[in-house]
Amino acid sequence: MGMLVSLVSALASGEAMAALQKAKTTAIFYGVAAVFALCAVGFLIGAVYIWLAARYGPLATSLGFGIGFLVLAGLTLVIHKLTTSMRSRRRAKRRQADMTALGVTAALALLPALAKGKGGAIIAPALAVLAYAICRENAKPKPRRPDQEDMH
């Protein structure tokens, strides 16, 4: 409740609008700086091209630049593919752990209610054994396949 009150008072006092305006101004300045940096990189690439064209000729330099940029594009795509697959595996592991924790929490939360009911004498110990088995399953390390690499 106290957080809500501070949020409402911040909105009422105009602090939120000032922070938003500051963020917009900062974003604009960073955008302009990025445009200038891209222009600088373009001119530097042009200067290197002119220097290499004078040394090796325009055709060889154009072919070299074209092949070099294609290699950079390919490397970028390969790196993206590798990092995306690593992230998706990490997310799947985290999701599995979260679901198991949720199941254990739900089972443990239901134990008192089931113990009070008619079938509590049988159901409660069974749920406790199930929760313990789930915890033990998640605690032991998973066997690794020989073809699986460790990408940490």
Protein backbone atom coordinates (compact mmCIF):
# COMPACT_ATOMS: atom_id res chain seq x y z
CA MET A 1 0.00 0.00 0.00
CA GLY A 2 2.86 2.36 0.85
CA MET A 3 4.37 1.85 -2.60
CA LEU A 4 1.08 2.78 -4.23
CA VAL A 5 0.88 5.96 -2.16
CA SER A 6 4.43 6.97 -3.14
CA LEU A 7 3.66 6.25 -6.81
CA VAL A 8 0.52 8.39 -6.71
CA SER A 9 2.34 11.21 -4.93
CA ALA A 10 5.20 11.04 -7.49
CA LEU A 11 2.70 11.30 -10.32
CA ALA A 12 0.92 14.16 -8.61
CA SER A 13 4.13 16.08 -8.01
CA GLY A 14 5.29 15.81 -11.59
CA GLU A 15 8.44 13.82 -10.85
CA ALA A 16 7.39 11.09 -13.23
CA MET A 17 6.91 13.56 -16.08
CA ALA A 18 10.32 15.11 -15.38
CA ALA A 19 11.95 11.67 -15.39
CA LEU A 20 10.21 10.79 -18.66
CA GLN A 21 11.34 14.05 -20.27
CA LYS A 22 14.91 13.43 -19.11
CA ALA A 23 14.82 9.90 -20.56
CA LYS A 24 13.50 11.20 -23.91
CA THR A 25 16.22 13.87 -24.09
CA THR A 26 18.92 11.33 -23.27
CA ALA A 27 17.59 8.92 -25.92
CA ILE A 28 17.64 11.68 -28.56
CA PHE A 29 21.23 12.63 -27.74
CA TYR A 30 22.35 8.99 -27.84
CA GLY A 31 20.58 8.56 -31.19
CA VAL A 32 22.34 11.59 -32.68
CA ALA A 33 25.68 10.34 -31.32
CA ALA A 34 25.04 6.93 -32.91
CA VAL A 35 24.32 8.54 -36.30
CA PHE A 36 27.59 10.51 -36.09
CA ALA A 37 29.48 7.34 -35.09
CA LEU A 38 28.04 5.44 -38.07
CA CYS A 39 29.06 8.28 -40.39
CA ALA A 40 32.57 8.18 -38.95
CA VAL A 41 32.80 4.42 -39.47
CA GLY A 42 31.61 4.86 -43.06
CA PHE A 43 34.28 7.47 -43.78
CA LEU A 44 36.97 5.29 -42.16
CA ILE A 45 35.93 2.34 -44.32
CA GLY A 46 36.04 4.64 -47.36
CA ALA A 47 39.52 5.84 -46.42
CA VAL A 48 40.78 2.28 -46.04
CA TYR A 49 39.21 1.42 -49.40
CA ILE A 50 40.95 4.35 -51.13
CA TRP A 51 44.29 3.45 -49.55
CA LEU A 52 43.99 -0.24 -50.54
CA ALA A 53 42.69 0.63 -54.03
CA ALA A 54 45.79 2.75 -54.64
CA ARG A 55 47.95 -0.14 -53.49
CA TYR A 56 46.20 -3.19 -55.03
CA GLY A 57 43.80 -1.74 -57.58
CA PRO A 58 40.09 -1.00 -57.42
CA LEU A 59 38.88 -4.45 -58.58
CA ALA A 60 40.93 -6.45 -56.09
CA THR A 61 40.01 -4.05 -53.28
CA SER A 62 36.29 -4.25 -54.13
CA LEU A 63 36.42 -8.03 -54.18
CA GLY A 64 38.29 -8.08 -50.87
CA PHE A 65 35.83 -5.72 -49.20
CA GLY A 66 32.84 -7.67 -50.55
CA ILE A 67 34.21 -11.02 -49.37
CA GLY A 68 35.22 -9.52 -46.02
CA PHE A 69 31.77 -8.10 -45.37
CA LEU A 70 30.12 -11.39 -46.40
CA VAL A 71 32.37 -13.24 -43.93
CA LEU A 72 31.41 -10.75 -41.20
CA ALA A 73 27.72 -11.24 -42.00
CA GLY A 74 28.10 -15.02 -41.85
CA LEU A 75 29.96 -14.86 -38.54
CA THR A 76 27.26 -12.61 -37.11
CA LEU A 77 24.54 -15.10 -38.10
CA VAL A 78 26.48 -18.08 -36.69
CA ILE A 79 27.09 -16.30 -33.39
CA HIS A 80 23.42 -15.33 -33.19
CA LYS A 81 22.33 -18.92 -33.86
CA LEU A 82 24.67 -20.30 -31.16
CA THR A 83 23.67 -17.78 -28.52
CA THR A 84 19.95 -18.21 -29.28
CA SER A 85 20.13 -21.98 -28.87
CA MET A 86 22.09 -21.63 -25.62
CA ARG A 87 19.55 -19.15 -24.27
CA SER A 88 16.60 -21.36 -25.22
CA ARG A 89 18.19 -24.36 -23.48
CA ARG A 90 18.80 -22.28 -20.35
CA ARG A 91 15.21 -21.03 -20.46
CA ALA A 92 13.88 -24.59 -20.80
CA LYS A 93 15.94 -25.74 -17.80
CA ARG A 94 14.77 -22.77 -15.75
CA ARG A 95 11.14 -23.38 -16.77
CA GLN A 96 11.43 -27.05 -15.77
CA ALA A 97 12.89 -26.12 -12.39
CA ASP A 98 10.18 -23.52 -11.85
CA MET A 99 7.41 -25.98 -12.70
CA THR A 100 8.86 -28.57 -10.33
CA ALA A 101 9.15 -26.01 -7.56
CA LEU A 102 5.56 -24.96 -8.21
CA GLY A 103 4.39 -28.57 -8.02
CA VAL A 104 6.27 -29.18 -4.78
CA THR A 105 4.93 -25.95 -3.29
CA ALA A 106 1.36 -26.82 -4.28
CA ALA A 107 1.70 -30.32 -2.83
CA LEU A 108 3.13 -29.01 0.42
CA ALA A 109 0.43 -26.33 0.64
CA LEU A 110 -2.30 -28.96 0.20
CA LEU A 111 -0.94 -31.28 2.88
CA PRO A 112 -2.57 -29.57 5.89
CA ALA A 113 -5.95 -29.32 4.14
CA LEU A 114 -5.84 -32.97 3.09
CA ALA A 115 -4.73 -34.08 6.53
CA LYS A 116 -7.86 -32.52 8.06
CA GLY A 117 -10.17 -34.21 5.56
CA LYS A 118 -11.52 -37.76 5.68
CA GLY A 119 -8.84 -39.36 3.50
CA GLY A 120 -6.01 -37.33 4.98
CA ALA A 121 -4.41 -40.24 6.78
CA ILE A 122 -3.61 -41.89 3.45
CA ILE A 123 -3.30 -38.97 1.03
CA ALA A 124 -1.00 -36.75 3.10
CA PRO A 125 1.86 -39.26 3.44
CA ALA A 126 1.52 -40.16 -0.24
CA LEU A 127 1.85 -36.49 -1.22
CA ALA A 128 4.83 -36.10 1.11
CA VAL A 129 6.56 -39.06 -0.53
CA LEU A 130 5.76 -37.62 -3.96
CA ALA A 131 7.16 -34.19 -3.01
CA TYR A 132 10.30 -35.83 -1.62
CA ALA A 133 10.77 -37.83 -4.83
CA ILE A 134 10.41 -34.71 -6.94
CA CYS A 135 12.95 -32.84 -4.80
CA ARG A 136 15.39 -35.76 -4.99
CA GLU A 137 14.97 -36.02 -8.76
CA ASN A 138 15.82 -32.35 -9.22
CA ALA A 139 18.73 -32.44 -6.79
CA LYS A 140 20.69 -35.20 -8.53
CA PRO A 141 22.81 -34.22 -11.56
CA LYS A 142 21.53 -35.32 -14.93
CA PRO A 143 23.78 -37.73 -16.88
CA ARG A 144 25.39 -36.11 -19.89
CA ARG A 145 25.47 -37.64 -23.33
CA PRO A 146 28.95 -37.92 -24.86
CA ASP A 147 27.94 -35.75 -27.83
CA GLN A 148 26.56 -32.98 -25.59
CA GLU A 149 28.93 -30.07 -25.04
CA ASP A 150 29.02 -27.87 -21.96
CA MET A 151 28.30 -24.35 -23.24
CA HIS A 152 28.63 -22.36 -20.01
